[in-house]
């Protein structure tokens, strides 16, 4: 269902509900980020025999994209490497994919080469794609609109440390929404979520660190 921050609807209607359902066994959770994967994921969800939670960000409704006329599906359990790179892995999803890509364009101008991965599948997580990226970059930043406490990024961080701690050249960095009720004021609302310049700063900080 629709959700997300950016409409000046305050704390009551700006919830990010995907994290609430992580602990429910048997659920699949996906978050679309483009018209293409939105259509393909929805078709896959309808055809799947298991319960699938399909999350969409309301600020992505006006995105336009030419879609193929022929039938296609997007897998419910696969991440999408949106931008290949070798310096640092940026894991993100939904609207934050677009913030991450804005940051990547700026970082490229400054000589950095980030890899941007749209998780798409929040449960199960695509550890094959994540692991392959970490084996190359050895650094990871998680960019999410969830709150930092108990968010998707918290589960990701724990899983990455359990599986690939020895691969990391720097601690996992989480860029998440602030743990406060979302304000009605638009300026204050924007300050509660991750902005592209914060991702740029995070990458620069991480590239200067080494465990």
N, C-alpha and C. Protein backbone atom coordinates (compact mmCIF):
# COMPACT_ATOMS: atom_id res chain seq x y z
N UNK A 1 0.81 -1.18 0.00
CA UNK A 1 0.00 0.00 0.00
C UNK A 1 0.85 1.25 0.00
N UNK A 2 0.24 2.44 -0.20
CA UNK A 2 0.99 3.69 -0.28
C UNK A 2 1.47 4.16 1.08
N UNK A 3 2.57 4.88 1.08
CA UNK A 3 3.10 5.44 2.32
C UNK A 3 4.29 6.31 2.00
N UNK A 4 4.98 6.74 3.03
CA UNK A 4 6.19 7.53 2.84
C UNK A 4 6.05 8.97 3.26
N UNK A 5 7.20 9.62 3.37
CA UNK A 5 7.29 11.00 3.82
C UNK A 5 7.35 11.94 2.63
N UNK A 6 6.84 13.18 2.80
CA UNK A 6 6.98 14.18 1.76
C UNK A 6 5.71 14.87 1.36
N UNK A 7 4.61 14.59 2.04
CA UNK A 7 3.31 15.17 1.65
C UNK A 7 2.76 16.11 2.71
N UNK A 8 3.56 16.40 3.72
CA UNK A 8 3.14 17.27 4.82
C UNK A 8 1.85 16.77 5.47
N UNK A 9 1.82 15.49 5.77
CA UNK A 9 0.66 14.88 6.41
C UNK A 9 0.93 14.51 7.86
N UNK A 10 2.09 14.91 8.36
CA UNK A 10 2.38 14.70 9.77
C UNK A 10 2.67 13.25 10.13
N UNK A 11 2.75 13.01 11.42
CA UNK A 11 3.13 11.68 11.91
C UNK A 11 2.06 10.63 11.64
N UNK A 12 0.80 11.06 11.53
CA UNK A 12 -0.28 10.08 11.39
C UNK A 12 -0.26 9.38 10.04
N UNK A 13 0.15 10.06 8.98
CA UNK A 13 0.05 9.50 7.64
C UNK A 13 1.39 9.46 6.92
N UNK A 14 2.47 9.40 7.67
CA UNK A 14 3.81 9.35 7.07
C UNK A 14 4.58 8.12 7.55
N UNK A 15 3.86 7.11 7.97
CA UNK A 15 4.53 5.93 8.52
C UNK A 15 5.20 5.11 7.43
N UNK A 16 6.31 4.48 7.79
CA UNK A 16 6.99 3.52 6.92
C UNK A 16 6.73 2.15 7.53
N UNK A 17 5.76 1.45 6.98
CA UNK A 17 5.24 0.25 7.64
C UNK A 17 6.01 -1.02 7.31
N UNK A 18 6.92 -0.96 6.34
CA UNK A 18 7.58 -2.20 5.91
C UNK A 18 8.33 -2.90 7.04
N UNK A 19 8.94 -2.10 7.93
CA UNK A 19 9.71 -2.70 9.03
C UNK A 19 8.81 -3.41 10.04
N UNK A 20 7.55 -3.00 10.13
CA UNK A 20 6.64 -3.59 11.11
C UNK A 20 6.44 -5.08 10.85
N UNK A 21 6.55 -5.49 9.58
CA UNK A 21 6.17 -6.85 9.19
C UNK A 21 7.36 -7.78 9.00
N UNK A 22 8.57 -7.29 9.26
CA UNK A 22 9.76 -8.12 9.05
C UNK A 22 9.72 -9.42 9.85
N UNK A 23 9.18 -9.35 11.05
CA UNK A 23 9.24 -10.49 11.96
C UNK A 23 8.09 -11.48 11.76
N UNK A 24 7.22 -11.23 10.78
CA UNK A 24 6.08 -12.13 10.56
C UNK A 24 6.51 -13.27 9.64
N UNK A 25 6.55 -14.50 10.13
CA UNK A 25 6.97 -15.63 9.28
C UNK A 25 6.03 -15.84 8.11
N UNK A 26 6.60 -16.24 6.98
CA UNK A 26 5.80 -16.60 5.81
C UNK A 26 5.46 -15.47 4.88
N UNK A 27 5.75 -14.23 5.27
CA UNK A 27 5.45 -13.09 4.40
C UNK A 27 6.61 -12.81 3.44
N UNK A 28 6.27 -12.36 2.26
CA UNK A 28 7.25 -11.76 1.36
C UNK A 28 6.96 -10.26 1.31
N UNK A 29 8.02 -9.45 1.31
CA UNK A 29 7.85 -8.00 1.33
C UNK A 29 8.66 -7.40 0.19
N UNK A 30 8.00 -6.62 -0.66
CA UNK A 30 8.69 -5.95 -1.76
C UNK A 30 8.34 -4.47 -1.75
N UNK A 31 9.26 -3.66 -2.28
CA UNK A 31 9.04 -2.22 -2.39
C UNK A 31 9.44 -1.78 -3.79
N UNK A 32 8.48 -1.26 -4.55
CA UNK A 32 8.78 -0.83 -5.91
C UNK A 32 9.41 0.57 -5.89
N UNK A 33 10.09 0.90 -6.98
CA UNK A 33 10.77 2.20 -7.06
C UNK A 33 10.62 2.87 -8.41
N UNK A 34 10.13 2.14 -9.40
CA UNK A 34 9.95 2.67 -10.75
C UNK A 34 8.66 2.10 -11.34
N UNK A 35 8.12 2.73 -12.39
CA UNK A 35 6.95 2.14 -13.04
C UNK A 35 7.22 0.73 -13.55
N UNK A 36 8.44 0.50 -14.07
CA UNK A 36 8.77 -0.81 -14.62
C UNK A 36 8.72 -1.89 -13.55
N UNK A 37 9.48 -1.69 -12.46
CA UNK A 37 9.47 -2.76 -11.47
C UNK A 37 8.17 -2.79 -10.67
N UNK A 38 7.46 -1.66 -10.61
CA UNK A 38 6.16 -1.67 -9.96
C UNK A 38 5.18 -2.60 -10.65
N UNK A 39 5.10 -2.49 -11.97
CA UNK A 39 4.19 -3.34 -12.74
C UNK A 39 4.61 -4.80 -12.66
N UNK A 40 5.91 -5.04 -12.86
CA UNK A 40 6.40 -6.41 -12.86
C UNK A 40 6.29 -7.09 -11.51
N UNK A 41 6.55 -6.33 -10.44
CA UNK A 41 6.43 -6.89 -9.10
C UNK A 41 4.98 -7.19 -8.73
N UNK A 42 4.08 -6.29 -9.12
CA UNK A 42 2.67 -6.50 -8.79
C UNK A 42 2.14 -7.76 -9.47
N UNK A 43 2.54 -7.98 -10.73
CA UNK A 43 2.11 -9.19 -11.43
C UNK A 43 2.67 -10.44 -10.75
N UNK A 44 3.94 -10.36 -10.36
CA UNK A 44 4.56 -11.50 -9.68
C UNK A 44 3.88 -11.76 -8.34
N UNK A 45 3.53 -10.69 -7.62
CA UNK A 45 2.88 -10.84 -6.32
C UNK A 45 1.51 -11.51 -6.46
N UNK A 46 0.76 -11.11 -7.49
CA UNK A 46 -0.57 -11.69 -7.72
C UNK A 46 -0.47 -13.18 -8.01
N UNK A 47 0.58 -13.56 -8.74
CA UNK A 47 0.72 -14.95 -9.17
C UNK A 47 1.38 -15.83 -8.11
N UNK A 48 1.96 -15.24 -7.10
CA UNK A 48 2.65 -16.02 -6.07
C UNK A 48 1.64 -16.67 -5.13
N UNK A 49 1.95 -17.89 -4.70
CA UNK A 49 1.05 -18.61 -3.80
C UNK A 49 1.16 -18.17 -2.35
N UNK A 50 2.18 -17.37 -2.05
CA UNK A 50 2.41 -16.91 -0.68
C UNK A 50 1.87 -15.48 -0.51
N UNK A 51 1.60 -15.08 0.74
CA UNK A 51 1.19 -13.69 0.97
C UNK A 51 2.34 -12.73 0.70
N UNK A 52 2.08 -11.70 -0.09
CA UNK A 52 3.10 -10.72 -0.46
C UNK A 52 2.62 -9.33 -0.06
N UNK A 53 3.44 -8.61 0.70
CA UNK A 53 3.17 -7.21 1.01
C UNK A 53 3.87 -6.34 -0.02
N UNK A 54 3.11 -5.49 -0.69
CA UNK A 54 3.61 -4.68 -1.80
C UNK A 54 3.58 -3.21 -1.38
N UNK A 55 4.76 -2.63 -1.19
CA UNK A 55 4.84 -1.25 -0.71
C UNK A 55 5.20 -0.29 -1.85
N UNK A 56 4.50 0.84 -1.87
CA UNK A 56 4.75 1.86 -2.89
C UNK A 56 4.79 3.22 -2.22
N UNK A 57 5.71 4.05 -2.65
CA UNK A 57 5.85 5.40 -2.08
C UNK A 57 4.99 6.37 -2.88
N UNK A 58 4.17 7.14 -2.18
CA UNK A 58 3.22 8.01 -2.88
C UNK A 58 3.90 9.07 -3.74
N UNK A 59 5.11 9.47 -3.39
CA UNK A 59 5.79 10.49 -4.19
C UNK A 59 6.38 9.92 -5.48
N UNK A 60 6.24 8.61 -5.69
CA UNK A 60 6.70 8.01 -6.94
C UNK A 60 5.56 7.82 -7.94
N UNK A 61 4.34 8.16 -7.54
CA UNK A 61 3.19 7.92 -8.42
C UNK A 61 3.26 8.70 -9.73
N UNK A 62 3.93 9.84 -9.73
CA UNK A 62 3.99 10.67 -10.94
C UNK A 62 5.17 10.35 -11.85
N UNK A 63 5.98 9.34 -11.49
CA UNK A 63 7.08 8.95 -12.37
C UNK A 63 6.53 8.40 -13.68
N UNK A 64 7.20 8.72 -14.78
CA UNK A 64 6.79 8.23 -16.09
C UNK A 64 7.93 7.43 -16.71
N UNK A 65 7.56 6.37 -17.41
CA UNK A 65 8.56 5.50 -18.02
C UNK A 65 7.88 4.71 -19.14
N UNK A 66 8.58 4.51 -20.24
CA UNK A 66 8.05 3.69 -21.32
C UNK A 66 8.18 2.22 -20.95
N UNK A 67 7.06 1.52 -20.91
CA UNK A 67 7.06 0.11 -20.55
C UNK A 67 6.88 -0.76 -21.78
N UNK A 68 7.48 -1.96 -21.77
CA UNK A 68 7.32 -2.85 -22.92
C UNK A 68 5.88 -3.33 -23.07
N UNK A 69 5.46 -3.53 -24.31
CA UNK A 69 4.12 -4.04 -24.56
C UNK A 69 4.00 -5.51 -24.21
N UNK A 70 5.09 -6.24 -24.36
CA UNK A 70 5.05 -7.67 -24.09
C UNK A 70 5.00 -7.95 -22.59
N UNK A 71 4.54 -9.14 -22.27
CA UNK A 71 4.43 -9.57 -20.88
C UNK A 71 5.81 -9.63 -20.21
N UNK A 72 5.89 -9.18 -18.97
CA UNK A 72 7.12 -9.35 -18.20
C UNK A 72 6.80 -9.40 -16.72
N UNK A 73 7.68 -10.05 -15.98
CA UNK A 73 7.57 -10.14 -14.53
C UNK A 73 8.88 -9.70 -13.91
N UNK A 74 8.82 -9.18 -12.71
CA UNK A 74 10.02 -8.86 -11.93
C UNK A 74 10.05 -9.80 -10.74
N UNK A 75 11.15 -10.54 -10.53
CA UNK A 75 11.22 -11.50 -9.42
C UNK A 75 10.99 -10.84 -8.06
N UNK A 76 10.35 -11.57 -7.18
CA UNK A 76 10.05 -11.05 -5.85
C UNK A 76 11.23 -11.16 -4.89
N UNK A 77 12.29 -11.84 -5.29
CA UNK A 77 13.39 -12.11 -4.35
C UNK A 77 14.74 -11.63 -4.86
N UNK A 78 14.75 -10.71 -5.83
CA UNK A 78 16.00 -10.28 -6.43
C UNK A 78 16.19 -8.77 -6.31
N UNK A 79 17.42 -8.38 -5.94
CA UNK A 79 17.78 -6.97 -5.94
C UNK A 79 18.21 -6.55 -7.34
N UNK A 80 18.30 -5.25 -7.55
CA UNK A 80 18.67 -4.70 -8.86
C UNK A 80 19.90 -3.82 -8.71
N UNK A 81 20.98 -4.20 -9.40
CA UNK A 81 22.18 -3.37 -9.39
C UNK A 81 21.94 -2.21 -10.36
N UNK A 82 21.54 -1.08 -9.82
CA UNK A 82 21.14 0.07 -10.63
C UNK A 82 22.35 0.75 -11.24
N UNK A 83 23.42 0.84 -10.47
CA UNK A 83 24.66 1.44 -10.95
C UNK A 83 25.84 0.61 -10.47
N UNK A 84 26.53 -0.09 -11.37
CA UNK A 84 27.72 -0.84 -10.97
C UNK A 84 28.84 0.10 -10.54
N UNK A 85 29.62 -0.31 -9.56
CA UNK A 85 30.75 0.50 -9.09
C UNK A 85 31.71 -0.37 -8.31
N UNK A 86 32.81 0.22 -7.87
CA UNK A 86 33.83 -0.57 -7.18
C UNK A 86 34.27 0.01 -5.83
N UNK A 87 33.86 1.22 -5.49
CA UNK A 87 34.37 1.86 -4.27
C UNK A 87 33.56 1.53 -3.02
N UNK A 88 32.25 1.62 -3.12
CA UNK A 88 31.38 1.43 -1.96
C UNK A 88 30.02 0.95 -2.44
N UNK A 89 29.39 0.08 -1.67
CA UNK A 89 28.05 -0.42 -1.98
C UNK A 89 27.01 0.43 -1.25
N UNK A 90 26.06 0.97 -2.00
CA UNK A 90 24.93 1.70 -1.41
C UNK A 90 23.69 0.83 -1.56
N UNK A 91 23.16 0.36 -0.43
CA UNK A 91 21.95 -0.46 -0.43
C UNK A 91 20.76 0.42 -0.09
N UNK A 92 19.74 0.38 -0.92
CA UNK A 92 18.62 1.28 -0.73
C UNK A 92 17.36 0.66 -1.33
N UNK A 93 16.25 1.36 -1.25
CA UNK A 93 15.01 0.87 -1.86
C UNK A 93 13.98 2.00 -1.91
N UNK A 94 12.95 1.78 -2.70
CA UNK A 94 11.83 2.71 -2.85
C UNK A 94 12.32 4.11 -3.26
N UNK A 95 11.77 5.16 -2.67
CA UNK A 95 12.12 6.52 -3.08
C UNK A 95 13.60 6.82 -2.87
N UNK A 96 14.22 6.20 -1.87
CA UNK A 96 15.62 6.49 -1.59
C UNK A 96 16.55 6.01 -2.70
N UNK A 97 16.06 5.13 -3.57
CA UNK A 97 16.85 4.75 -4.75
C UNK A 97 17.18 6.00 -5.56
N UNK A 98 16.22 6.89 -5.70
CA UNK A 98 16.41 8.09 -6.52
C UNK A 98 17.33 9.09 -5.82
N UNK A 99 17.25 9.16 -4.50
CA UNK A 99 18.20 10.00 -3.75
C UNK A 99 19.62 9.44 -3.89
N UNK A 100 19.74 8.13 -3.84
CA UNK A 100 21.05 7.50 -3.97
C UNK A 100 21.65 7.74 -5.35
N UNK A 101 20.81 7.72 -6.38
CA UNK A 101 21.32 7.95 -7.73
C UNK A 101 21.71 9.41 -7.93
N UNK A 102 20.98 10.33 -7.31
CA UNK A 102 21.40 11.74 -7.35
C UNK A 102 22.77 11.90 -6.70
N UNK A 103 22.95 11.24 -5.57
CA UNK A 103 24.24 11.30 -4.87
C UNK A 103 25.34 10.67 -5.72
N UNK A 104 25.02 9.57 -6.38
CA UNK A 104 26.02 8.87 -7.20
C UNK A 104 26.52 9.75 -8.34
N UNK A 105 25.62 10.53 -8.92
CA UNK A 105 26.04 11.44 -10.00
C UNK A 105 27.03 12.47 -9.50
N UNK A 106 26.77 13.01 -8.31
CA UNK A 106 27.69 13.99 -7.73
C UNK A 106 29.01 13.33 -7.35
N UNK A 107 28.94 12.14 -6.79
CA UNK A 107 30.15 11.43 -6.39
C UNK A 107 31.02 11.09 -7.59
N UNK A 108 30.37 10.73 -8.69
CA UNK A 108 31.12 10.42 -9.91
C UNK A 108 31.91 11.63 -10.39
N UNK A 109 31.31 12.81 -10.28
CA UNK A 109 32.00 14.04 -10.67
C UNK A 109 33.24 14.28 -9.82
N UNK A 110 33.21 13.78 -8.58
CA UNK A 110 34.31 14.00 -7.65
C UNK A 110 35.29 12.84 -7.60
N UNK A 111 35.13 11.89 -8.53
CA UNK A 111 36.10 10.82 -8.65
C UNK A 111 35.78 9.54 -7.91
N UNK A 112 34.59 9.43 -7.34
CA UNK A 112 34.20 8.21 -6.63
C UNK A 112 33.36 7.32 -7.54
N UNK A 113 33.38 6.03 -7.24
CA UNK A 113 32.67 5.06 -8.08
C UNK A 113 31.78 4.16 -7.21
N UNK A 114 30.62 4.66 -6.77
CA UNK A 114 29.75 3.87 -5.90
C UNK A 114 28.91 2.87 -6.69
N UNK A 115 28.61 1.76 -6.05
CA UNK A 115 27.66 0.80 -6.62
C UNK A 115 26.33 0.98 -5.90
N UNK A 116 25.27 1.22 -6.65
CA UNK A 116 23.94 1.44 -6.08
C UNK A 116 23.08 0.21 -6.33
N UNK A 117 22.56 -0.36 -5.26
CA UNK A 117 21.71 -1.55 -5.36
C UNK A 117 20.33 -1.23 -4.79
N UNK A 118 19.31 -1.41 -5.62
CA UNK A 118 17.92 -1.29 -5.18
C UNK A 118 17.51 -2.66 -4.64
N UNK A 119 17.28 -2.76 -3.35
CA UNK A 119 16.99 -4.05 -2.73
C UNK A 119 15.72 -4.68 -3.30
N UNK A 120 14.71 -3.90 -3.56
CA UNK A 120 13.40 -4.35 -4.06
C UNK A 120 12.76 -5.35 -3.10
N UNK A 121 13.41 -6.49 -2.90
CA UNK A 121 12.91 -7.50 -1.98
C UNK A 121 13.44 -7.21 -0.58
N UNK A 122 12.54 -6.88 0.34
CA UNK A 122 12.92 -6.61 1.72
C UNK A 122 12.81 -7.85 2.59
N UNK A 123 12.06 -8.82 2.13
CA UNK A 123 11.98 -10.12 2.78
C UNK A 123 11.52 -11.14 1.75
N UNK A 124 12.36 -12.08 1.36
CA UNK A 124 13.73 -12.28 1.82
C UNK A 124 14.68 -11.26 1.18
N UNK A 125 15.77 -10.97 1.86
CA UNK A 125 16.81 -10.12 1.29
C UNK A 125 17.65 -10.94 0.31
N UNK A 126 18.09 -10.30 -0.74
CA UNK A 126 18.89 -10.97 -1.78
C UNK A 126 20.36 -10.96 -1.36
N UNK A 127 20.73 -11.90 -0.51
CA UNK A 127 22.10 -11.92 0.01
C UNK A 127 23.12 -12.30 -1.06
N UNK A 128 22.69 -12.98 -2.10
CA UNK A 128 23.62 -13.33 -3.18
C UNK A 128 24.14 -12.06 -3.86
N UNK A 129 23.23 -11.17 -4.22
CA UNK A 129 23.63 -9.91 -4.87
C UNK A 129 24.40 -9.02 -3.90
N UNK A 130 23.93 -8.93 -2.67
CA UNK A 130 24.61 -8.10 -1.67
C UNK A 130 26.02 -8.61 -1.42
N UNK A 131 26.17 -9.91 -1.25
CA UNK A 131 27.48 -10.49 -0.98
C UNK A 131 28.45 -10.30 -2.13
N UNK A 132 27.97 -10.44 -3.36
CA UNK A 132 28.83 -10.25 -4.52
C UNK A 132 29.34 -8.82 -4.59
N UNK A 133 28.50 -7.87 -4.22
CA UNK A 133 28.91 -6.47 -4.23
C UNK A 133 29.93 -6.19 -3.14
N UNK A 134 29.69 -6.70 -1.93
CA UNK A 134 30.61 -6.47 -0.82
C UNK A 134 31.97 -7.10 -1.07
N UNK A 135 31.99 -8.22 -1.77
CA UNK A 135 33.26 -8.86 -2.09
C UNK A 135 34.11 -7.98 -3.00
N UNK A 136 33.45 -7.07 -3.68
CA UNK A 136 34.14 -6.16 -4.61
C UNK A 136 34.50 -4.84 -3.96
N UNK A 137 33.56 -4.27 -3.19
CA UNK A 137 33.76 -2.92 -2.64
C UNK A 137 34.30 -2.91 -1.21
N UNK A 138 33.91 -3.90 -0.41
CA UNK A 138 34.33 -4.02 1.00
C UNK A 138 33.82 -2.88 1.88
N UNK A 139 32.88 -2.12 1.38
CA UNK A 139 32.28 -1.03 2.14
C UNK A 139 30.79 -0.95 1.80
N UNK A 140 29.97 -0.64 2.80
CA UNK A 140 28.53 -0.59 2.53
C UNK A 140 27.87 0.53 3.32
N UNK A 141 26.99 1.25 2.62
CA UNK A 141 26.14 2.27 3.23
C UNK A 141 24.69 1.88 2.96
N UNK A 142 23.88 1.91 3.99
CA UNK A 142 22.46 1.59 3.86
C UNK A 142 21.67 2.89 3.92
N UNK A 143 20.88 3.14 2.89
CA UNK A 143 20.08 4.37 2.80
C UNK A 143 18.61 3.98 2.79
N UNK A 144 17.88 4.43 3.80
CA UNK A 144 16.48 4.03 3.92
C UNK A 144 15.63 5.19 4.44
N UNK A 145 14.33 5.08 4.23
CA UNK A 145 13.41 6.07 4.80
C UNK A 145 12.81 5.56 6.10
N UNK A 146 13.08 4.31 6.45
CA UNK A 146 12.65 3.79 7.75
C UNK A 146 13.36 4.53 8.88
N UNK A 147 12.77 4.47 10.06
CA UNK A 147 13.46 4.96 11.24
C UNK A 147 14.69 4.11 11.50
N UNK A 148 15.69 4.70 12.12
CA UNK A 148 16.92 3.97 12.38
C UNK A 148 16.70 2.83 13.37
N UNK A 149 15.88 3.07 14.39
CA UNK A 149 15.60 2.05 15.38
C UNK A 149 14.60 1.04 14.84
N UNK A 150 15.03 -0.20 14.69
CA UNK A 150 14.13 -1.26 14.25
C UNK A 150 13.78 -1.23 12.78
N UNK A 151 14.52 -0.49 11.98
CA UNK A 151 14.22 -0.39 10.56
C UNK A 151 14.79 -1.53 9.74
N UNK A 152 14.55 -1.47 8.42
CA UNK A 152 15.12 -2.46 7.51
C UNK A 152 16.64 -2.44 7.60
N UNK A 153 17.20 -1.25 7.76
CA UNK A 153 18.66 -1.12 7.84
C UNK A 153 19.25 -1.82 9.05
N UNK A 154 18.51 -1.89 10.14
CA UNK A 154 19.00 -2.58 11.33
C UNK A 154 19.16 -4.07 11.05
N UNK A 155 18.17 -4.67 10.40
CA UNK A 155 18.25 -6.08 10.04
C UNK A 155 19.37 -6.32 9.03
N UNK A 156 19.48 -5.42 8.06
CA UNK A 156 20.54 -5.54 7.07
C UNK A 156 21.92 -5.49 7.71
N UNK A 157 22.11 -4.54 8.61
CA UNK A 157 23.40 -4.38 9.27
C UNK A 157 23.77 -5.64 10.05
N UNK A 158 22.82 -6.18 10.80
CA UNK A 158 23.08 -7.40 11.56
C UNK A 158 23.45 -8.55 10.63
N UNK A 159 22.72 -8.69 9.54
CA UNK A 159 22.97 -9.79 8.60
C UNK A 159 24.33 -9.64 7.92
N UNK A 160 24.68 -8.42 7.54
CA UNK A 160 25.97 -8.19 6.89
C UNK A 160 27.11 -8.49 7.85
N UNK A 161 27.00 -8.05 9.08
CA UNK A 161 28.06 -8.31 10.06
C UNK A 161 28.18 -9.80 10.37
N UNK A 162 27.07 -10.51 10.38
CA UNK A 162 27.11 -11.95 10.62
C UNK A 162 27.76 -12.71 9.47
N UNK A 163 27.51 -12.27 8.25
CA UNK A 163 27.97 -13.01 7.08
C UNK A 163 29.33 -12.55 6.56
N UNK A 164 29.59 -11.24 6.59
CA UNK A 164 30.75 -10.72 5.86
C UNK A 164 31.60 -9.76 6.68
N UNK A 165 31.63 -9.92 7.98
CA UNK A 165 32.39 -8.99 8.81
C UNK A 165 33.85 -8.91 8.36
N UNK A 166 34.46 -10.05 8.04
CA UNK A 166 35.87 -10.06 7.66
C UNK A 166 36.12 -9.43 6.29
N UNK A 167 35.05 -9.23 5.52
CA UNK A 167 35.18 -8.60 4.20
C UNK A 167 35.19 -7.08 4.29
N UNK A 168 34.73 -6.54 5.41
CA UNK A 168 34.53 -5.09 5.51
C UNK A 168 35.82 -4.35 5.81
N UNK A 169 36.05 -3.27 5.06
CA UNK A 169 37.18 -2.37 5.32
C UNK A 169 36.77 -1.18 6.17
N UNK A 170 35.49 -1.07 6.48
CA UNK A 170 34.96 0.02 7.32
C UNK A 170 33.65 -0.45 7.93
N UNK A 171 33.26 0.11 9.07
CA UNK A 171 31.97 -0.28 9.67
C UNK A 171 30.80 0.06 8.74
N UNK A 172 29.75 -0.73 8.83
CA UNK A 172 28.53 -0.44 8.07
C UNK A 172 27.98 0.91 8.52
N UNK A 173 27.59 1.74 7.55
CA UNK A 173 27.01 3.05 7.85
C UNK A 173 25.53 3.03 7.49
N UNK A 174 24.68 3.40 8.46
CA UNK A 174 23.24 3.49 8.22
C UNK A 174 22.81 4.94 8.13
N UNK A 175 22.18 5.30 7.04
CA UNK A 175 21.56 6.62 6.89
C UNK A 175 20.05 6.40 6.87
N UNK A 176 19.40 6.79 7.94
CA UNK A 176 17.98 6.50 8.13
C UNK A 176 17.24 7.76 8.55
N UNK A 177 15.91 7.65 8.59
CA UNK A 177 15.12 8.77 9.09
C UNK A 177 15.34 8.94 10.59
N UNK A 178 15.17 10.16 11.05
CA UNK A 178 15.34 10.43 12.47
C UNK A 178 14.21 9.78 13.28
N UNK A 179 14.55 9.35 14.48
CA UNK A 179 13.58 8.69 15.35
C UNK A 179 12.69 9.72 16.06
N UNK A 180 11.93 10.46 15.26
CA UNK A 180 11.01 11.46 15.81
C UNK A 180 9.71 11.42 15.01
N UNK A 181 8.60 11.86 15.59
CA UNK A 181 7.37 11.98 14.82
C UNK A 181 7.57 12.94 13.64
N UNK A 182 7.06 12.58 12.48
CA UNK A 182 7.24 13.41 11.29
C UNK A 182 6.48 14.73 11.43
N UNK A 183 7.16 15.88 11.28
CA UNK A 183 6.49 17.18 11.41
C UNK A 183 5.57 17.47 10.23
N UNK A 184 4.59 18.35 10.45
CA UNK A 184 3.74 18.82 9.35
C UNK A 184 4.49 19.80 8.45
N UNK A 185 5.31 20.65 9.03
CA UNK A 185 6.03 21.66 8.26
C UNK A 185 6.93 21.00 7.23
N UNK A 186 6.84 21.46 5.97
CA UNK A 186 7.58 20.83 4.89
C UNK A 186 9.09 20.87 5.06
N UNK A 187 9.61 22.02 5.50
CA UNK A 187 11.05 22.16 5.69
C UNK A 187 11.54 21.21 6.78
N UNK A 188 10.83 21.18 7.89
CA UNK A 188 11.20 20.29 8.98
C UNK A 188 11.03 18.83 8.57
N UNK A 189 9.99 18.55 7.80
CA UNK A 189 9.75 17.19 7.33
C UNK A 189 10.94 16.67 6.53
N UNK A 190 11.45 17.50 5.62
CA UNK A 190 12.60 17.10 4.81
C UNK A 190 13.85 16.86 5.64
N UNK A 191 13.96 17.58 6.74
CA UNK A 191 15.13 17.42 7.60
C UNK A 191 15.12 16.09 8.35
N UNK A 192 13.97 15.43 8.40
CA UNK A 192 13.90 14.16 9.14
C UNK A 192 14.33 12.97 8.30
N UNK A 193 14.40 13.13 6.97
CA UNK A 193 14.76 12.00 6.10
C UNK A 193 16.11 12.26 5.42
N UNK A 194 16.66 11.20 4.87
CA UNK A 194 17.98 11.27 4.25
C UNK A 194 17.91 12.05 2.94
N UNK A 195 18.83 12.99 2.76
CA UNK A 195 18.91 13.77 1.53
C UNK A 195 20.19 13.39 0.76
N UNK A 196 20.21 13.63 -0.55
CA UNK A 196 21.37 13.22 -1.36
C UNK A 196 22.71 13.72 -0.83
N UNK A 197 22.77 14.95 -0.32
CA UNK A 197 24.05 15.47 0.14
C UNK A 197 24.57 14.69 1.34
N UNK A 198 23.67 14.12 2.13
CA UNK A 198 24.11 13.30 3.26
C UNK A 198 24.73 11.99 2.79
N UNK A 199 24.22 11.47 1.69
CA UNK A 199 24.80 10.25 1.12
C UNK A 199 26.19 10.54 0.59
N UNK A 200 26.34 11.67 -0.09
CA UNK A 200 27.65 12.08 -0.59
C UNK A 200 28.65 12.19 0.56
N UNK A 201 28.24 12.85 1.62
CA UNK A 201 29.12 13.01 2.78
C UNK A 201 29.44 11.67 3.42
N UNK A 202 28.45 10.77 3.46
CA UNK A 202 28.67 9.46 4.03
C UNK A 202 29.69 8.64 3.26
N UNK A 203 29.61 8.70 1.94
CA UNK A 203 30.57 7.98 1.10
C UNK A 203 31.97 8.51 1.32
N UNK A 204 32.12 9.82 1.34
CA UNK A 204 33.44 10.42 1.54
C UNK A 204 34.02 10.01 2.90
N UNK A 205 33.17 10.03 3.91
CA UNK A 205 33.61 9.63 5.24
C UNK A 205 34.04 8.17 5.25
N UNK A 206 33.26 7.33 4.61
CA UNK A 206 33.57 5.90 4.61
C UNK A 206 34.85 5.60 3.85
N UNK A 207 35.07 6.29 2.75
CA UNK A 207 36.27 6.04 1.95
C UNK A 207 37.54 6.43 2.70
N UNK A 208 37.40 7.25 3.72
CA UNK A 208 38.56 7.67 4.51
C UNK A 208 38.82 6.74 5.68
N UNK A 209 37.90 5.78 5.91
CA UNK A 209 38.03 4.87 7.04
C UNK A 209 38.54 3.51 6.60
N UNK A 210 39.17 2.83 7.54
CA UNK A 210 39.59 1.45 7.30
C UNK A 210 39.71 0.75 8.64
N UNK A 211 39.09 -0.42 8.76
CA UNK A 211 39.16 -1.18 10.00
C UNK A 211 40.58 -1.74 10.17
